[in-house]
Amino acid sequence: MKLAVAVAFAGALALGACNSSPSDKLADRVEAAADNRADAMEANAAALRNQAEMLDSRAERTRDVGEARADAIDAADMNVAALSQDRRDAIVANQAAAVR
């Protein structure tokens, strides 16, 4: 759709350029440049929406993993008092296995 509009716009510029005044040509160039900037902004917005969807998905997976790890710890009825503070911190930070 955008390509068709751009082609039509370019064709109109080419036809209109034959009998355009210098101010018309400048106005056309300003409008074309603004359209190009707007297209780039729309492309960036689409990329950010995709990135946000991926981050939402990662957040959901992270919560699921955290819940599963917590359930495993509860089910194992671990002797947490026997663990060093460093080991407990590593488990919380997801840097060590919660249950073996």
C-alpha atoms as a PDB file:
ATOM      1  CA  MET A   1       0.000   0.000   0.000  1.00  0.00           C
ATOM      2  CA  LYS A   2       2.719   2.452   0.972  1.00  0.00           C
ATOM      3  CA  LEU A   3       4.701   1.470  -2.105  1.00  0.00           C
ATOM      4  CA  ALA A   4       1.716   2.154  -4.359  1.00  0.00           C
ATOM      5  CA  VAL A   5       1.213   5.560  -2.743  1.00  0.00           C
ATOM      6  CA  ALA A   6       4.898   6.352  -3.105  1.00  0.00           C
ATOM      7  CA  VAL A   7       4.906   5.340  -6.790  1.00  0.00           C
ATOM      8  CA  ALA A   8       1.774   7.398  -7.448  1.00  0.00           C
ATOM      9  CA  PHE A   9       3.304  10.337  -5.596  1.00  0.00           C
ATOM     10  CA  ALA A  10       6.556  10.050  -7.549  1.00  0.00           C
ATOM     11  CA  GLY A  11       4.610   9.900 -10.799  1.00  0.00           C
ATOM     12  CA  ALA A  12       2.619  12.971  -9.845  1.00  0.00           C
ATOM     13  CA  LEU A  13       5.823  14.783  -8.996  1.00  0.00           C
ATOM     14  CA  ALA A  14       7.342  13.853 -12.338  1.00  0.00           C
ATOM     15  CA  LEU A  15       4.317  15.056 -14.273  1.00  0.00           C
ATOM     16  CA  GLY A  16       3.899  18.125 -12.136  1.00  0.00           C
ATOM     17  CA  ALA A  17       7.552  19.059 -12.343  1.00  0.00           C
ATOM     18  CA  CYS A  18       7.208  19.897 -16.032  1.00  0.00           C
ATOM     19  CA  ASN A  19       5.268  23.111 -15.406  1.00  0.00           C
ATOM     20  CA  SER A  20       6.070  23.799 -11.737  1.00  0.00           C
ATOM     21  CA  SER A  21       7.361  27.012 -10.317  1.00  0.00           C
ATOM     22  CA  PRO A  22      10.461  26.947  -8.121  1.00  0.00           C
ATOM     23  CA  SER A  23       8.281  27.352  -5.032  1.00  0.00           C
ATOM     24  CA  ASP A  24       6.105  24.405  -6.127  1.00  0.00           C
ATOM     25  CA  LYS A  25       9.222  22.285  -6.584  1.00  0.00           C
ATOM     26  CA  LEU A  26      10.506  23.265  -3.130  1.00  0.00           C
ATOM     27  CA  ALA A  27       7.110  22.534  -1.573  1.00  0.00           C
ATOM     28  CA  ASP A  28       7.053  19.121  -3.262  1.00  0.00           C
ATOM     29  CA  ARG A  29      10.543  18.340  -1.978  1.00  0.00           C
ATOM     30  CA  VAL A  30       9.566  19.405   1.567  1.00  0.00           C
ATOM     31  CA  GLU A  31       6.469  17.199   1.454  1.00  0.00           C
ATOM     32  CA  ALA A  32       8.406  14.228   0.061  1.00  0.00           C
ATOM     33  CA  ALA A  33      11.089  14.585   2.742  1.00  0.00           C
ATOM     34  CA  ALA A  34       8.428  14.753   5.463  1.00  0.00           C
ATOM     35  CA  ASP A  35       6.776  11.625   4.032  1.00  0.00           C
ATOM     36  CA  ASN A  36      10.128   9.816   4.095  1.00  0.00           C
ATOM     37  CA  ARG A  37      10.713  10.814   7.725  1.00  0.00           C
ATOM     38  CA  ALA A  38       7.188   9.741   8.667  1.00  0.00           C
ATOM     39  CA  ASP A  39       7.705   6.365   6.938  1.00  0.00           C
ATOM     40  CA  ALA A  40      10.915   5.860   8.930  1.00  0.00           C
ATOM     41  CA  MET A  41       9.090   6.722  12.161  1.00  0.00           C
ATOM     42  CA  GLU A  42       6.325   4.238  11.355  1.00  0.00           C
ATOM     43  CA  ALA A  43       8.912   1.549  10.641  1.00  0.00           C
ATOM     44  CA  ASN A  44      10.603   2.290  13.981  1.00  0.00           C
ATOM     45  CA  ALA A  45       7.256   2.130  15.769  1.00  0.00           C
ATOM     46  CA  ALA A  46       6.520  -1.266  14.212  1.00  0.00           C
ATOM     47  CA  ALA A  47       9.928  -2.555  15.282  1.00  0.00           C
ATOM     48  CA  LEU A  48       9.353  -1.286  18.832  1.00  0.00           C
ATOM     49  CA  ARG A  49       5.941  -2.983  18.965  1.00  0.00           C
ATOM     50  CA  ASN A  50       7.578  -6.266  17.923  1.00  0.00           C
ATOM     51  CA  GLN A  51      10.296  -5.784  20.528  1.00  0.00           C
ATOM     52  CA  ALA A  52       7.694  -5.038  23.210  1.00  0.00           C
ATOM     53  CA  GLU A  53       5.795  -8.226  22.328  1.00  0.00           C
ATOM     54  CA  MET A  54       9.003 -10.238  22.630  1.00  0.00           C
ATOM     55  CA  LEU A  55       9.776  -8.660  26.019  1.00  0.00           C
ATOM     56  CA  ASP A  56       6.247  -9.408  27.236  1.00  0.00           C
ATOM     57  CA  SER A  57       6.716 -13.021  26.194  1.00  0.00           C
ATOM     58  CA  ARG A  58      10.082 -13.235  27.974  1.00  0.00           C
ATOM     59  CA  ALA A  59       8.565 -11.718  31.119  1.00  0.00           C
ATOM     60  CA  GLU A  60       5.785 -14.286  31.097  1.00  0.00           C
ATOM     61  CA  ARG A  61       8.272 -17.144  30.653  1.00  0.00           C
ATOM     62  CA  THR A  62      10.424 -15.728  33.477  1.00  0.00           C
ATOM     63  CA  ARG A  63       7.415 -15.665  35.814  1.00  0.00           C
ATOM     64  CA  ASP A  64       6.508 -19.233  34.826  1.00  0.00           C
ATOM     65  CA  VAL A  65      10.049 -20.453  35.504  1.00  0.00           C
ATOM     66  CA  GLY A  66      10.148 -18.656  38.847  1.00  0.00           C
ATOM     67  CA  GLU A  67       6.845 -20.216  39.864  1.00  0.00           C
ATOM     68  CA  ALA A  68       8.030 -23.679  38.793  1.00  0.00           C
ATOM     69  CA  ARG A  69      11.286 -23.273  40.734  1.00  0.00           C
ATOM     70  CA  ALA A  70       9.401 -22.113  43.831  1.00  0.00           C
ATOM     71  CA  ASP A  71       7.031 -25.087  43.537  1.00  0.00           C
ATOM     72  CA  ALA A  72      10.015 -27.446  43.233  1.00  0.00           C
ATOM     73  CA  ILE A  73      11.610 -25.985  46.359  1.00  0.00           C
ATOM     74  CA  ASP A  74       8.352 -26.362  48.280  1.00  0.00           C
ATOM     75  CA  ALA A  75       7.858 -29.917  47.039  1.00  0.00           C
ATOM     76  CA  ALA A  76      11.420 -30.905  47.943  1.00  0.00           C
ATOM     77  CA  ASP A  77      10.950 -29.544  51.457  1.00  0.00           C
ATOM     78  CA  MET A  78      14.553 -28.312  51.382  1.00  0.00           C
ATOM     79  CA  ASN A  79      16.595 -27.745  54.516  1.00  0.00           C
ATOM     80  CA  VAL A  80      17.248 -24.116  53.695  1.00  0.00           C
ATOM     81  CA  ALA A  81      19.063 -23.549  56.995  1.00  0.00           C
ATOM     82  CA  ALA A  82      21.812 -25.876  55.762  1.00  0.00           C
ATOM     83  CA  LEU A  83      22.438 -23.721  52.695  1.00  0.00           C
ATOM     84  CA  SER A  84      24.979 -20.906  52.808  1.00  0.00           C
ATOM     85  CA  GLN A  85      23.714 -17.387  52.230  1.00  0.00           C
ATOM     86  CA  ASP A  86      25.714 -17.285  48.977  1.00  0.00           C
ATOM     87  CA  ARG A  87      23.968 -20.457  47.790  1.00  0.00           C
ATOM     88  CA  ARG A  88      20.535 -19.054  48.682  1.00  0.00           C
ATOM     89  CA  ASP A  89      21.362 -15.796  46.878  1.00  0.00           C
ATOM     90  CA  ALA A  90      22.496 -17.753  43.802  1.00  0.00           C
ATOM     91  CA  ILE A  91      19.229 -19.731  43.800  1.00  0.00           C
ATOM     92  CA  VAL A  92      17.192 -16.511  44.042  1.00  0.00           C
ATOM     93  CA  ALA A  93      19.240 -14.932  41.225  1.00  0.00           C
ATOM     94  CA  ASN A  94      18.614 -18.023  39.051  1.00  0.00           C
ATOM     95  CA  GLN A  95      22.346 -18.725  38.973  1.00  0.00           C
ATOM     96  CA  ALA A  96      22.168 -22.085  40.748  1.00  0.00           C
ATOM     97  CA  ALA A  97      19.864 -25.055  40.630  1.00  0.00           C
ATOM     98  CA  ALA A  98      17.120 -24.824  43.219  1.00  0.00           C
ATOM     99  CA  VAL A  99      16.644 -28.571  43.592  1.00  0.00           C
ATOM    100  CA  ARG A 100      18.870 -31.443  42.617  1.00  0.00           C
END
